[in-house]
Amino acid sequence: MLADRRLVEKTPRQGYVVKQLNLTEIHELYDVRLALETYIMEQVCKTGLDEATLTALEQRWIKLQEALPEMIVDPVSVDETFHDVLARAVGNRAMMDMLRGIDDRIRFVRTFDITNADRLAATCEQHLEILEAIRRRDAAKAVAVLRRNLEGGRIQAESAVKEALANAHAIYG
């Protein structure tokens, strides 16, 4: 399963090795994620989102925002669920599988994304802006805020990878 998700590399007759962090691959995965989610936003804005789902998402992110500076236990899972619900609304199973596959591959670096109250506050605000744009069926606004949200995650992930590589180099030379 780890090899299928490209988290370890299998070498025939030698075994498995944990895959090294690679900034190029991480950027490529974020690029694909942005392309998929841009399409998802456009489709959700075009077809709309049922009121119960929209309200539940809004209430979840308002509750998180109101609890700040208190941090939640697993912000990555909460964030993935938000994006997954929107992808599910489009109804394209292949697209959902691709998005989940990307999430699986970048989850480790994403754990360094929402690590403080300021980043969680920005994420809450961005998700609420996205939901308001969906409510108004304003695809341009939804995509613009989505781009800002994902780019913030990409920057955090890149910083975390660079720091991890520097620490590993300092320890193991």
N, C-alpha and C. Protein backbone atom coordinates (compact mmCIF):
# COMPACT_ATOMS: atom_id res chain seq x y z
N MET A 1 0.83 -1.19 0.00
CA MET A 1 0.00 0.00 0.00
C MET A 1 0.88 1.26 0.00
N LEU A 2 1.94 1.26 0.80
CA LEU A 2 2.83 2.42 0.83
C LEU A 2 3.52 2.62 -0.51
N ALA A 3 3.88 1.52 -1.16
CA ALA A 3 4.51 1.62 -2.49
C ALA A 3 3.50 2.15 -3.51
N ASP A 4 2.25 1.71 -3.42
CA ASP A 4 1.21 2.20 -4.33
C ASP A 4 1.01 3.70 -4.18
N ARG A 5 1.15 4.19 -2.97
CA ARG A 5 0.99 5.62 -2.70
C ARG A 5 2.29 6.40 -2.89
N ARG A 6 3.31 5.69 -3.33
CA ARG A 6 4.63 6.27 -3.62
C ARG A 6 5.28 6.90 -2.39
N LEU A 7 5.04 6.30 -1.23
CA LEU A 7 5.66 6.75 0.00
C LEU A 7 6.93 5.97 0.30
N VAL A 8 7.03 4.77 -0.29
CA VAL A 8 8.25 3.97 -0.22
C VAL A 8 8.57 3.50 -1.63
N GLU A 9 9.83 3.20 -1.86
CA GLU A 9 10.25 2.69 -3.16
C GLU A 9 10.66 1.23 -3.01
N LYS A 10 10.17 0.40 -3.90
CA LYS A 10 10.49 -1.02 -3.88
C LYS A 10 11.61 -1.29 -4.87
N THR A 11 12.65 -1.93 -4.38
CA THR A 11 13.75 -2.35 -5.24
C THR A 11 13.68 -3.88 -5.31
N PRO A 12 13.55 -4.45 -6.53
CA PRO A 12 13.45 -5.90 -6.64
C PRO A 12 14.61 -6.62 -5.95
N ARG A 13 14.27 -7.65 -5.20
CA ARG A 13 15.20 -8.52 -4.48
C ARG A 13 16.02 -7.78 -3.41
N GLN A 14 15.62 -6.56 -3.07
CA GLN A 14 16.33 -5.84 -2.03
C GLN A 14 15.40 -5.31 -0.94
N GLY A 15 14.17 -5.05 -1.26
CA GLY A 15 13.23 -4.59 -0.26
C GLY A 15 12.72 -3.18 -0.53
N TYR A 16 12.31 -2.54 0.53
CA TYR A 16 11.69 -1.22 0.45
C TYR A 16 12.55 -0.18 1.15
N VAL A 17 12.51 1.03 0.61
CA VAL A 17 13.21 2.16 1.20
C VAL A 17 12.23 3.32 1.28
N VAL A 18 12.24 4.03 2.41
CA VAL A 18 11.37 5.20 2.55
C VAL A 18 11.81 6.23 1.52
N LYS A 19 10.85 6.74 0.78
CA LYS A 19 11.13 7.70 -0.28
C LYS A 19 11.59 9.03 0.33
N GLN A 20 12.61 9.60 -0.24
CA GLN A 20 13.14 10.87 0.23
C GLN A 20 12.22 12.02 -0.18
N LEU A 21 12.16 13.03 0.66
CA LEU A 21 11.37 14.22 0.33
C LEU A 21 11.97 14.90 -0.89
N ASN A 22 11.13 15.32 -1.78
CA ASN A 22 11.58 15.89 -3.04
C ASN A 22 10.71 17.12 -3.32
N LEU A 23 11.33 18.29 -3.25
CA LEU A 23 10.57 19.53 -3.45
C LEU A 23 9.93 19.62 -4.82
N THR A 24 10.60 19.13 -5.84
CA THR A 24 10.04 19.17 -7.19
C THR A 24 8.75 18.37 -7.25
N GLU A 25 8.76 17.18 -6.69
CA GLU A 25 7.56 16.34 -6.69
C GLU A 25 6.44 16.99 -5.88
N ILE A 26 6.78 17.57 -4.75
CA ILE A 26 5.77 18.23 -3.93
C ILE A 26 5.12 19.38 -4.70
N HIS A 27 5.94 20.19 -5.39
CA HIS A 27 5.39 21.29 -6.20
C HIS A 27 4.50 20.75 -7.32
N GLU A 28 4.93 19.67 -7.95
CA GLU A 28 4.13 19.08 -9.02
C GLU A 28 2.79 18.59 -8.49
N LEU A 29 2.79 17.96 -7.32
CA LEU A 29 1.54 17.49 -6.73
C LEU A 29 0.62 18.65 -6.36
N TYR A 30 1.20 19.73 -5.85
CA TYR A 30 0.38 20.92 -5.56
C TYR A 30 -0.18 21.51 -6.86
N ASP A 31 0.59 21.48 -7.94
CA ASP A 31 0.10 21.98 -9.24
C ASP A 31 -1.11 21.16 -9.71
N VAL A 32 -1.00 19.84 -9.61
CA VAL A 32 -2.10 18.97 -10.03
C VAL A 32 -3.30 19.17 -9.11
N ARG A 33 -3.05 19.29 -7.82
CA ARG A 33 -4.14 19.54 -6.88
C ARG A 33 -4.86 20.85 -7.22
N LEU A 34 -4.09 21.88 -7.54
CA LEU A 34 -4.70 23.16 -7.90
C LEU A 34 -5.55 23.03 -9.17
N ALA A 35 -5.05 22.30 -10.16
CA ALA A 35 -5.81 22.11 -11.40
C ALA A 35 -7.12 21.36 -11.12
N LEU A 36 -7.04 20.28 -10.34
CA LEU A 36 -8.24 19.51 -10.02
C LEU A 36 -9.25 20.36 -9.24
N GLU A 37 -8.75 21.04 -8.23
CA GLU A 37 -9.66 21.80 -7.38
C GLU A 37 -10.21 23.04 -8.06
N THR A 38 -9.48 23.59 -9.00
CA THR A 38 -10.02 24.70 -9.79
C THR A 38 -11.24 24.23 -10.57
N TYR A 39 -11.10 23.08 -11.21
CA TYR A 39 -12.24 22.51 -11.94
C TYR A 39 -13.40 22.22 -10.99
N ILE A 40 -13.08 21.66 -9.83
CA ILE A 40 -14.11 21.36 -8.84
C ILE A 40 -14.86 22.63 -8.44
N MET A 41 -14.12 23.70 -8.16
CA MET A 41 -14.75 24.97 -7.77
C MET A 41 -15.66 25.49 -8.88
N GLU A 42 -15.17 25.44 -10.10
CA GLU A 42 -15.97 25.92 -11.23
C GLU A 42 -17.27 25.13 -11.35
N GLN A 43 -17.18 23.81 -11.20
CA GLN A 43 -18.37 22.97 -11.32
C GLN A 43 -19.33 23.17 -10.16
N VAL A 44 -18.81 23.27 -8.94
CA VAL A 44 -19.68 23.48 -7.77
C VAL A 44 -20.38 24.83 -7.89
N CYS A 45 -19.68 25.84 -8.35
CA CYS A 45 -20.31 27.15 -8.53
C CYS A 45 -21.36 27.11 -9.64
N LYS A 46 -21.12 26.31 -10.64
CA LYS A 46 -22.05 26.20 -11.77
C LYS A 46 -23.33 25.46 -11.36
N THR A 47 -23.16 24.34 -10.64
CA THR A 47 -24.32 23.51 -10.29
C THR A 47 -24.90 23.83 -8.93
N GLY A 48 -24.12 24.51 -8.09
CA GLY A 48 -24.56 24.82 -6.74
C GLY A 48 -24.27 23.67 -5.78
N LEU A 49 -24.43 23.96 -4.53
CA LEU A 49 -24.22 22.99 -3.46
C LEU A 49 -25.48 23.00 -2.61
N ASP A 50 -25.96 21.81 -2.23
CA ASP A 50 -27.21 21.80 -1.47
C ASP A 50 -27.04 22.59 -0.17
N GLU A 51 -28.12 23.23 0.23
CA GLU A 51 -28.11 24.16 1.36
C GLU A 51 -27.65 23.51 2.66
N ALA A 52 -28.05 22.27 2.90
CA ALA A 52 -27.66 21.60 4.14
C ALA A 52 -26.14 21.41 4.21
N THR A 53 -25.54 21.00 3.11
CA THR A 53 -24.09 20.80 3.08
C THR A 53 -23.37 22.13 3.22
N LEU A 54 -23.82 23.13 2.50
CA LEU A 54 -23.22 24.46 2.56
C LEU A 54 -23.29 25.03 3.98
N THR A 55 -24.43 24.91 4.61
CA THR A 55 -24.60 25.42 5.97
C THR A 55 -23.74 24.64 6.96
N ALA A 56 -23.67 23.33 6.82
CA ALA A 56 -22.85 22.51 7.72
C ALA A 56 -21.37 22.89 7.60
N LEU A 57 -20.90 23.09 6.38
CA LEU A 57 -19.50 23.50 6.18
C LEU A 57 -19.25 24.87 6.79
N GLU A 58 -20.17 25.80 6.55
CA GLU A 58 -20.01 27.15 7.11
C GLU A 58 -19.97 27.10 8.65
N GLN A 59 -20.87 26.34 9.24
CA GLN A 59 -20.92 26.26 10.70
C GLN A 59 -19.64 25.65 11.26
N ARG A 60 -19.11 24.64 10.58
CA ARG A 60 -17.87 24.00 11.03
C ARG A 60 -16.72 25.01 11.07
N TRP A 61 -16.57 25.80 10.01
CA TRP A 61 -15.44 26.73 9.93
C TRP A 61 -15.66 27.96 10.80
N ILE A 62 -16.90 28.37 11.00
CA ILE A 62 -17.19 29.47 11.92
C ILE A 62 -16.86 29.02 13.35
N LYS A 63 -17.23 27.81 13.70
CA LYS A 63 -16.94 27.27 15.03
C LYS A 63 -15.42 27.23 15.28
N LEU A 64 -14.66 26.78 14.29
CA LEU A 64 -13.20 26.75 14.43
C LEU A 64 -12.65 28.16 14.59
N GLN A 65 -13.18 29.08 13.80
CA GLN A 65 -12.74 30.48 13.84
C GLN A 65 -13.04 31.10 15.21
N GLU A 66 -14.22 30.84 15.75
CA GLU A 66 -14.62 31.40 17.04
C GLU A 66 -13.80 30.83 18.20
N ALA A 67 -13.27 29.61 18.04
CA ALA A 67 -12.49 28.96 19.10
C ALA A 67 -11.04 29.43 19.14
N LEU A 68 -10.62 30.17 18.12
CA LEU A 68 -9.22 30.63 18.08
C LEU A 68 -8.91 31.50 19.28
N PRO A 69 -7.73 31.44 19.82
CA PRO A 69 -6.52 30.81 19.29
C PRO A 69 -6.36 29.33 19.61
N GLU A 70 -7.42 28.70 20.11
CA GLU A 70 -7.38 27.26 20.38
C GLU A 70 -7.18 26.50 19.07
N MET A 71 -6.23 25.59 19.07
CA MET A 71 -5.94 24.79 17.88
C MET A 71 -6.71 23.47 17.95
N ILE A 72 -7.09 22.96 16.81
CA ILE A 72 -7.74 21.66 16.76
C ILE A 72 -6.67 20.57 16.67
N VAL A 73 -7.06 19.36 16.99
CA VAL A 73 -6.11 18.26 17.07
C VAL A 73 -5.52 17.88 15.72
N ASP A 74 -6.35 17.74 14.71
CA ASP A 74 -5.88 17.27 13.40
C ASP A 74 -6.38 18.20 12.29
N PRO A 75 -5.77 19.37 12.15
CA PRO A 75 -6.26 20.32 11.15
C PRO A 75 -6.16 19.81 9.71
N VAL A 76 -5.20 18.94 9.43
CA VAL A 76 -5.06 18.42 8.06
C VAL A 76 -6.30 17.61 7.68
N SER A 77 -6.76 16.75 8.56
CA SER A 77 -7.95 15.94 8.26
C SER A 77 -9.19 16.82 8.09
N VAL A 78 -9.33 17.83 8.94
CA VAL A 78 -10.48 18.73 8.82
C VAL A 78 -10.43 19.48 7.49
N ASP A 79 -9.25 19.92 7.10
CA ASP A 79 -9.08 20.62 5.82
C ASP A 79 -9.35 19.68 4.65
N GLU A 80 -8.81 18.46 4.71
CA GLU A 80 -9.04 17.49 3.64
C GLU A 80 -10.53 17.20 3.50
N THR A 81 -11.23 17.10 4.62
CA THR A 81 -12.67 16.83 4.57
C THR A 81 -13.41 17.95 3.84
N PHE A 82 -13.04 19.19 4.11
CA PHE A 82 -13.65 20.34 3.42
C PHE A 82 -13.51 20.18 1.90
N HIS A 83 -12.28 19.96 1.45
CA HIS A 83 -12.03 19.84 0.01
C HIS A 83 -12.68 18.58 -0.57
N ASP A 84 -12.72 17.52 0.22
CA ASP A 84 -13.33 16.27 -0.23
C ASP A 84 -14.84 16.42 -0.43
N VAL A 85 -15.49 17.14 0.49
CA VAL A 85 -16.94 17.36 0.36
C VAL A 85 -17.25 18.11 -0.93
N LEU A 86 -16.44 19.11 -1.25
CA LEU A 86 -16.67 19.86 -2.48
C LEU A 86 -16.43 18.98 -3.71
N ALA A 87 -15.37 18.16 -3.65
CA ALA A 87 -15.09 17.25 -4.77
C ALA A 87 -16.23 16.24 -4.94
N ARG A 88 -16.74 15.72 -3.84
CA ARG A 88 -17.83 14.75 -3.89
C ARG A 88 -19.08 15.36 -4.53
N ALA A 89 -19.29 16.65 -4.31
CA ALA A 89 -20.46 17.33 -4.86
C ALA A 89 -20.44 17.35 -6.39
N VAL A 90 -19.25 17.30 -6.97
CA VAL A 90 -19.14 17.28 -8.43
C VAL A 90 -19.58 15.93 -8.99
N GLY A 91 -19.35 14.87 -8.21
CA GLY A 91 -19.82 13.55 -8.62
C GLY A 91 -18.90 12.81 -9.57
N ASN A 92 -17.68 13.28 -9.74
CA ASN A 92 -16.73 12.62 -10.62
C ASN A 92 -15.82 11.74 -9.78
N ARG A 93 -16.07 10.42 -9.79
CA ARG A 93 -15.34 9.48 -8.94
C ARG A 93 -13.85 9.47 -9.24
N ALA A 94 -13.48 9.51 -10.50
CA ALA A 94 -12.05 9.49 -10.86
C ALA A 94 -11.34 10.72 -10.30
N MET A 95 -12.00 11.87 -10.36
CA MET A 95 -11.42 13.09 -9.84
C MET A 95 -11.25 13.01 -8.32
N MET A 96 -12.24 12.46 -7.65
CA MET A 96 -12.15 12.30 -6.20
C MET A 96 -10.99 11.37 -5.84
N ASP A 97 -10.84 10.28 -6.58
CA ASP A 97 -9.75 9.34 -6.32
C ASP A 97 -8.39 10.00 -6.54
N MET A 98 -8.29 10.81 -7.58
CA MET A 98 -7.03 11.51 -7.86
C MET A 98 -6.70 12.49 -6.73
N LEU A 99 -7.70 13.24 -6.28
CA LEU A 99 -7.48 14.20 -5.21
C LEU A 99 -7.07 13.48 -3.92
N ARG A 100 -7.72 12.38 -3.61
CA ARG A 100 -7.36 11.61 -2.42
C ARG A 100 -5.95 11.03 -2.54
N GLY A 101 -5.60 10.60 -3.74
CA GLY A 101 -4.24 10.08 -3.95
C GLY A 101 -3.19 11.15 -3.72
N ILE A 102 -3.47 12.36 -4.19
CA ILE A 102 -2.54 13.48 -3.95
C ILE A 102 -2.48 13.78 -2.46
N ASP A 103 -3.63 13.82 -1.82
CA ASP A 103 -3.66 14.07 -0.38
C ASP A 103 -2.82 13.03 0.37
N ASP A 104 -2.96 11.77 -0.01
CA ASP A 104 -2.17 10.71 0.64
C ASP A 104 -0.68 10.96 0.49
N ARG A 105 -0.27 11.42 -0.69
CA ARG A 105 1.15 11.62 -0.96
C ARG A 105 1.73 12.86 -0.31
N ILE A 106 0.90 13.88 -0.07
CA ILE A 106 1.44 15.11 0.53
C ILE A 106 1.02 15.29 1.99
N ARG A 107 0.29 14.33 2.54
CA ARG A 107 -0.20 14.47 3.92
C ARG A 107 0.93 14.73 4.90
N PHE A 108 2.04 14.04 4.74
CA PHE A 108 3.15 14.23 5.68
C PHE A 108 3.61 15.68 5.70
N VAL A 109 3.84 16.28 4.54
CA VAL A 109 4.29 17.66 4.53
C VAL A 109 3.17 18.62 4.91
N ARG A 110 1.93 18.23 4.67
CA ARG A 110 0.80 19.09 5.05
C ARG A 110 0.64 19.18 6.56
N THR A 111 1.20 18.23 7.30
CA THR A 111 1.12 18.32 8.76
C THR A 111 1.86 19.54 9.27
N PHE A 112 2.70 20.13 8.42
CA PHE A 112 3.42 21.35 8.79
C PHE A 112 2.73 22.60 8.24
N ASP A 113 1.55 22.42 7.65
CA ASP A 113 0.83 23.55 7.06
C ASP A 113 0.10 24.36 8.13
N ILE A 114 -0.91 23.80 8.72
CA ILE A 114 -1.73 24.54 9.69
C ILE A 114 -1.20 24.20 11.09
N THR A 115 -0.15 24.88 11.48
CA THR A 115 0.52 24.54 12.74
C THR A 115 0.35 25.60 13.82
N ASN A 116 -0.29 26.72 13.48
CA ASN A 116 -0.47 27.76 14.50
C ASN A 116 -1.80 28.47 14.28
N ALA A 117 -2.19 29.25 15.27
CA ALA A 117 -3.49 29.92 15.23
C ALA A 117 -3.62 30.89 14.06
N ASP A 118 -2.53 31.56 13.68
CA ASP A 118 -2.60 32.50 12.55
C ASP A 118 -2.91 31.78 11.24
N ARG A 119 -2.25 30.65 11.02
CA ARG A 119 -2.50 29.89 9.78
C ARG A 119 -3.90 29.30 9.80
N LEU A 120 -4.35 28.81 10.98
CA LEU A 120 -5.71 28.28 11.08
C LEU A 120 -6.73 29.39 10.84
N ALA A 121 -6.47 30.58 11.36
CA ALA A 121 -7.37 31.71 11.15
C ALA A 121 -7.48 32.04 9.66
N ALA A 122 -6.34 32.06 8.98
CA ALA A 122 -6.34 32.34 7.54
C ALA A 122 -7.10 31.25 6.78
N THR A 123 -6.91 30.00 7.17
CA THR A 123 -7.62 28.89 6.52
C THR A 123 -9.12 29.01 6.75
N CYS A 124 -9.53 29.31 7.98
CA CYS A 124 -10.96 29.50 8.28
C CYS A 124 -11.54 30.59 7.40
N GLU A 125 -10.87 31.72 7.35
CA GLU A 125 -11.35 32.86 6.56
C GLU A 125 -11.44 32.50 5.08
N GLN A 126 -10.44 31.82 4.57
CA GLN A 126 -10.44 31.45 3.15
C GLN A 126 -11.56 30.46 2.85
N HIS A 127 -11.76 29.48 3.72
CA HIS A 127 -12.83 28.51 3.47
C HIS A 127 -14.20 29.17 3.54
N LEU A 128 -14.36 30.09 4.46
CA LEU A 128 -15.63 30.81 4.53
C LEU A 128 -15.85 31.69 3.31
N GLU A 129 -14.78 32.30 2.80
CA GLU A 129 -14.88 33.08 1.55
C GLU A 129 -15.26 32.19 0.38
N ILE A 130 -14.65 31.01 0.33
CA ILE A 130 -14.98 30.05 -0.75
C ILE A 130 -16.46 29.67 -0.67
N LEU A 131 -16.93 29.37 0.52
CA LEU A 131 -18.33 28.98 0.68
C LEU A 131 -19.29 30.11 0.30
N GLU A 132 -18.93 31.34 0.64
CA GLU A 132 -19.76 32.49 0.25
C GLU A 132 -19.76 32.64 -1.28
N ALA A 133 -18.61 32.44 -1.90
CA ALA A 133 -18.53 32.53 -3.37
C ALA A 133 -19.37 31.41 -4.01
N ILE A 134 -19.35 30.23 -3.42
CA ILE A 134 -20.18 29.13 -3.94
C ILE A 134 -21.65 29.49 -3.80
N ARG A 135 -22.02 30.04 -2.65
CA ARG A 135 -23.42 30.44 -2.42
C ARG A 135 -23.87 31.44 -3.49
N ARG A 136 -22.98 32.37 -3.88
CA ARG A 136 -23.29 33.38 -4.89
C ARG A 136 -23.03 32.87 -6.31
N ARG A 137 -22.48 31.65 -6.40
CA ARG A 137 -22.10 31.03 -7.67
C ARG A 137 -21.09 31.88 -8.44
N ASP A 138 -20.15 32.41 -7.67
CA ASP A 138 -19.09 33.26 -8.20
C ASP A 138 -17.81 32.43 -8.33
N ALA A 139 -17.68 31.76 -9.48
CA ALA A 139 -16.56 30.85 -9.69
C ALA A 139 -15.22 31.58 -9.68
N ALA A 140 -15.17 32.77 -10.24
CA ALA A 140 -13.90 33.51 -10.29
C ALA A 140 -13.40 33.80 -8.87
N LYS A 141 -14.29 34.21 -7.99
CA LYS A 141 -13.91 34.50 -6.60
C LYS A 141 -13.51 33.21 -5.88
N ALA A 142 -14.29 32.15 -6.05
CA ALA A 142 -13.99 30.87 -5.39
C ALA A 142 -12.62 30.35 -5.81
N VAL A 143 -12.33 30.43 -7.09
CA VAL A 143 -11.03 29.95 -7.60
C VAL A 143 -9.89 30.83 -7.08
N ALA A 144 -10.10 32.13 -7.04
CA ALA A 144 -9.05 33.04 -6.55
C ALA A 144 -8.72 32.75 -5.08
N VAL A 145 -9.74 32.54 -4.27
CA VAL A 145 -9.51 32.26 -2.85
C VAL A 145 -8.90 30.87 -2.69
N LEU A 146 -9.38 29.91 -3.47
CA LEU A 146 -8.80 28.56 -3.45
C LEU A 146 -7.31 28.62 -3.76
N ARG A 147 -6.95 29.37 -4.78
CA ARG A 147 -5.54 29.51 -5.17
C ARG A 147 -4.72 30.07 -4.01
N ARG A 148 -5.24 31.10 -3.35
CA ARG A 148 -4.56 31.68 -2.20
C ARG A 148 -4.40 30.65 -1.07
N ASN A 149 -5.44 29.86 -0.85
CA ASN A 149 -5.43 28.83 0.18
C ASN A 149 -4.38 27.76 -0.12
N LEU A 150 -4.38 27.26 -1.34
CA LEU A 150 -3.43 26.19 -1.69
C LEU A 150 -2.00 26.71 -1.77
N GLU A 151 -1.82 27.93 -2.23
CA GLU A 151 -0.46 28.50 -2.28
C GLU A 151 0.10 28.70 -0.88
N GLY A 152 -0.75 29.08 0.06
CA GLY A 152 -0.31 29.19 1.44
C GLY A 152 0.16 27.85 1.97
N GLY A 153 -0.57 26.79 1.65
CA GLY A 153 -0.17 25.44 2.05
C GLY A 153 1.12 25.02 1.38
N ARG A 154 1.26 25.35 0.11
CA ARG A 154 2.48 24.99 -0.62
C ARG A 154 3.70 25.67 0.02
N ILE A 155 3.57 26.93 0.36
CA ILE A 155 4.68 27.66 0.96
C ILE A 155 5.05 27.05 2.31
N GLN A 156 4.04 26.74 3.13
CA GLN A 156 4.30 26.11 4.43
C GLN A 156 4.98 24.76 4.24
N ALA A 157 4.50 23.97 3.28
CA ALA A 157 5.07 22.65 3.04
C ALA A 157 6.51 22.76 2.57
N GLU A 158 6.77 23.69 1.67
CA GLU A 158 8.14 23.88 1.17
C GLU A 158 9.07 24.28 2.31
N SER A 159 8.64 25.18 3.15
CA SER A 159 9.47 25.59 4.29
C SER A 159 9.75 24.41 5.21
N ALA A 160 8.72 23.60 5.45
CA ALA A 160 8.89 22.44 6.33
C ALA A 160 9.86 21.43 5.74
N VAL A 161 9.76 21.18 4.44
CA VAL A 161 10.67 20.22 3.80
C VAL A 161 12.10 20.75 3.84
N LYS A 162 12.28 22.01 3.53
CA LYS A 162 13.63 22.58 3.57
C LYS A 162 14.22 22.48 4.98
N GLU A 163 13.40 22.76 5.98
CA GLU A 163 13.87 22.67 7.37
C GLU A 163 14.21 21.22 7.74
N ALA A 164 13.36 20.28 7.33
CA ALA A 164 13.62 18.87 7.64
C ALA A 164 14.90 18.39 6.96
N LEU A 165 15.09 18.78 5.71
CA LEU A 165 16.32 18.38 5.00
C LEU A 165 17.54 19.00 5.64
N ALA A 166 17.46 20.26 6.06
CA ALA A 166 18.58 20.92 6.72
C ALA A 166 18.91 20.24 8.06
N ASN A 167 17.86 19.89 8.80
CA ASN A 167 18.06 19.20 10.08
C ASN A 167 18.68 17.82 9.86
N ALA A 168 18.21 17.10 8.86
CA ALA A 168 18.77 15.78 8.57
C ALA A 168 20.23 15.90 8.17
N HIS A 169 20.53 16.90 7.37
CA HIS A 169 21.92 17.10 6.95
C HIS A 169 22.80 17.44 8.15
N ALA A 170 22.29 18.27 9.07
CA ALA A 170 23.06 18.65 10.25
C ALA A 170 23.31 17.45 11.16
N ILE A 171 22.33 16.56 11.25
CA ILE A 171 22.45 15.39 12.13
C ILE A 171 23.30 14.30 11.48
N TYR A 172 23.03 14.01 10.23
CA TYR A 172 23.66 12.86 9.57
C TYR A 172 24.79 13.24 8.63
N GLY A 173 24.98 14.54 8.43
CA GLY A 173 26.05 15.05 7.60
C GLY A 173 25.99 14.55 6.25
